Amino acid sequence: MIYAISYDLRKKGQDYSGLYEAIKTLGAWAHYLESMWLVDTAIGADAIVDRLKGHFDGNDRLLVMKMTGDRQGLLSKAEWDWIKKHE
């Protein structure tokens, strides 16, 4: 199942490389937009947040949503192909 992971990182200059590496460990991933990742994983949204929340401070925001059904956007064919392959 594909989950969208979106965030606002509000502390400029902070090193978020640990967050990015943690996202990559969740499963197959795609990073097409600056502050949004798509992850194909068997774990649910609660578990994803539990694994990532240690990388955020009190000013940051995080949203994790299961991608289902209706979706559209301005992505390349290769990016849409990744989504179709993992749905």
C-alpha atoms as a PDB file:
ATOM      1  CA  MET A   1       0.000   0.000   0.000  1.00  0.00           C
ATOM      2  CA  ILE A   2       1.301   3.463  -0.860  1.00  0.00           C
ATOM      3  CA  TYR A   3       1.339   6.140   1.827  1.00  0.00           C
ATOM      4  CA  ALA A   4       1.994   9.814   1.195  1.00  0.00           C
ATOM      5  CA  ILE A   5       4.273  11.416   3.771  1.00  0.00           C
ATOM      6  CA  SER A   6       4.101  15.222   3.763  1.00  0.00           C
ATOM      7  CA  TYR A   7       5.777  17.650   6.110  1.00  0.00           C
ATOM      8  CA  ASP A   8       6.674  21.258   6.850  1.00  0.00           C
ATOM      9  CA  LEU A   9      10.148  21.566   8.332  1.00  0.00           C
ATOM     10  CA  ARG A  10      10.107  24.976   9.916  1.00  0.00           C
ATOM     11  CA  LYS A  11      13.572  25.204  11.424  1.00  0.00           C
ATOM     12  CA  LYS A  12      15.877  26.401   8.659  1.00  0.00           C
ATOM     13  CA  GLY A  13      19.389  25.032   8.714  1.00  0.00           C
ATOM     14  CA  GLN A  14      18.513  21.957  10.776  1.00  0.00           C
ATOM     15  CA  ASP A  15      19.921  18.646   9.546  1.00  0.00           C
ATOM     16  CA  TYR A  16      17.000  16.441   8.515  1.00  0.00           C
ATOM     17  CA  SER A  17      19.130  13.730   6.867  1.00  0.00           C
ATOM     18  CA  GLY A  18      18.098  11.287   9.622  1.00  0.00           C
ATOM     19  CA  LEU A  19      14.449  11.841   8.697  1.00  0.00           C
ATOM     20  CA  TYR A  20      15.135  11.151   5.033  1.00  0.00           C
ATOM     21  CA  GLU A  21      17.024   7.965   5.870  1.00  0.00           C
ATOM     22  CA  ALA A  22      14.218   6.836   8.203  1.00  0.00           C
ATOM     23  CA  ILE A  23      11.665   7.327   5.420  1.00  0.00           C
ATOM     24  CA  LYS A  24      13.799   5.254   3.054  1.00  0.00           C
ATOM     25  CA  THR A  25      13.778   2.315   5.504  1.00  0.00           C
ATOM     26  CA  LEU A  26       9.974   2.052   5.388  1.00  0.00           C
ATOM     27  CA  GLY A  27       9.898   0.340   1.978  1.00  0.00           C
ATOM     28  CA  ALA A  28      10.099   1.217  -1.699  1.00  0.00           C
ATOM     29  CA  TRP A  29       9.996   4.998  -1.924  1.00  0.00           C
ATOM     30  CA  ALA A  30       9.677   7.879  -4.363  1.00  0.00           C
ATOM     31  CA  HIS A  31      10.520  11.524  -3.701  1.00  0.00           C
ATOM     32  CA  TYR A  32       9.018  13.648  -6.489  1.00  0.00           C
ATOM     33  CA  LEU A  33       8.089  16.791  -4.521  1.00  0.00           C
ATOM     34  CA  GLU A  34      10.322  18.702  -2.118  1.00  0.00           C
ATOM     35  CA  SER A  35       8.406  17.970   1.091  1.00  0.00           C
ATOM     36  CA  MET A  36       6.465  14.856   0.117  1.00  0.00           C
ATOM     37  CA  TRP A  37       7.460  11.221  -0.213  1.00  0.00           C
ATOM     38  CA  LEU A  38       5.533   8.190  -1.427  1.00  0.00           C
ATOM     39  CA  VAL A  39       6.312   4.934   0.350  1.00  0.00           C
ATOM     40  CA  ASP A  40       5.102   1.424  -0.479  1.00  0.00           C
ATOM     41  CA  THR A  41       4.934  -0.253   2.917  1.00  0.00           C
ATOM     42  CA  ALA A  42       2.974  -2.899   4.791  1.00  0.00           C
ATOM     43  CA  ILE A  43       2.799  -0.873   8.006  1.00  0.00           C
ATOM     44  CA  GLY A  44       0.024   1.623   8.715  1.00  0.00           C
ATOM     45  CA  ALA A  45      -0.028   5.382   9.223  1.00  0.00           C
ATOM     46  CA  ASP A  46       0.269   5.145  13.035  1.00  0.00           C
ATOM     47  CA  ALA A  47       3.407   3.022  12.772  1.00  0.00           C
ATOM     48  CA  ILE A  48       4.899   5.344  10.149  1.00  0.00           C
ATOM     49  CA  VAL A  49       4.378   8.370  12.407  1.00  0.00           C
ATOM     50  CA  ASP A  50       5.850   6.457  15.369  1.00  0.00           C
ATOM     51  CA  ARG A  51       8.983   5.697  13.359  1.00  0.00           C
ATOM     52  CA  LEU A  52       9.424   9.267  12.084  1.00  0.00           C
ATOM     53  CA  LYS A  53       8.294  11.533  14.918  1.00  0.00           C
ATOM     54  CA  GLY A  54      11.672  11.507  16.656  1.00  0.00           C
ATOM     55  CA  HIS A  55      13.112  13.459  13.713  1.00  0.00           C
ATOM     56  CA  PHE A  56      10.713  16.400  14.138  1.00  0.00           C
ATOM     57  CA  ASP A  57      10.731  19.264  16.606  1.00  0.00           C
ATOM     58  CA  GLY A  58       7.707  21.047  18.062  1.00  0.00           C
ATOM     59  CA  ASN A  59       7.471  23.529  15.175  1.00  0.00           C
ATOM     60  CA  ASP A  60       7.468  20.946  12.378  1.00  0.00           C
ATOM     61  CA  ARG A  61       4.339  19.362  10.928  1.00  0.00           C
ATOM     62  CA  LEU A  62       3.779  15.841   9.568  1.00  0.00           C
ATOM     63  CA  LEU A  63       0.878  14.261   7.663  1.00  0.00           C
ATOM     64  CA  VAL A  64       0.718  10.584   6.638  1.00  0.00           C
ATOM     65  CA  MET A  65      -2.141   9.393   4.404  1.00  0.00           C
ATOM     66  CA  LYS A  66      -2.931   6.165   2.592  1.00  0.00           C
ATOM     67  CA  MET A  67      -3.207   6.801  -1.154  1.00  0.00           C
ATOM     68  CA  THR A  68      -6.375   5.308  -2.555  1.00  0.00           C
ATOM     69  CA  GLY A  69      -8.589   5.785  -5.572  1.00  0.00           C
ATOM     70  CA  ASP A  70      -8.939   9.204  -7.114  1.00  0.00           C
ATOM     71  CA  ARG A  71      -5.687  11.111  -7.670  1.00  0.00           C
ATOM     72  CA  GLN A  72      -4.274  13.404 -10.295  1.00  0.00           C
ATOM     73  CA  GLY A  73      -1.331  15.718 -10.731  1.00  0.00           C
ATOM     74  CA  LEU A  74       1.430  16.995 -12.951  1.00  0.00           C
ATOM     75  CA  LEU A  75       4.027  14.247 -12.780  1.00  0.00           C
ATOM     76  CA  SER A  76       6.149  12.594 -15.443  1.00  0.00           C
ATOM     77  CA  LYS A  77       5.158   9.301 -17.051  1.00  0.00           C
ATOM     78  CA  ALA A  78       7.929   7.545 -15.111  1.00  0.00           C
ATOM     79  CA  GLU A  79       6.612   8.957 -11.838  1.00  0.00           C
ATOM     80  CA  TRP A  80       3.049   7.824 -12.589  1.00  0.00           C
ATOM     81  CA  ASP A  81       4.421   4.421 -13.634  1.00  0.00           C
ATOM     82  CA  TRP A  82       6.064   4.065 -10.183  1.00  0.00           C
ATOM     83  CA  ILE A  83       2.741   4.813  -8.497  1.00  0.00           C
ATOM     84  CA  LYS A  84       0.864   2.325 -10.691  1.00  0.00           C
ATOM     85  CA  LYS A  85       3.503  -0.351 -10.080  1.00  0.00           C
ATOM     86  CA  HIS A  86       3.163  -0.010  -6.293  1.00  0.00           C
ATOM     87  CA  GLU A  87      -0.596   0.387  -5.898  1.00  0.00           C
END
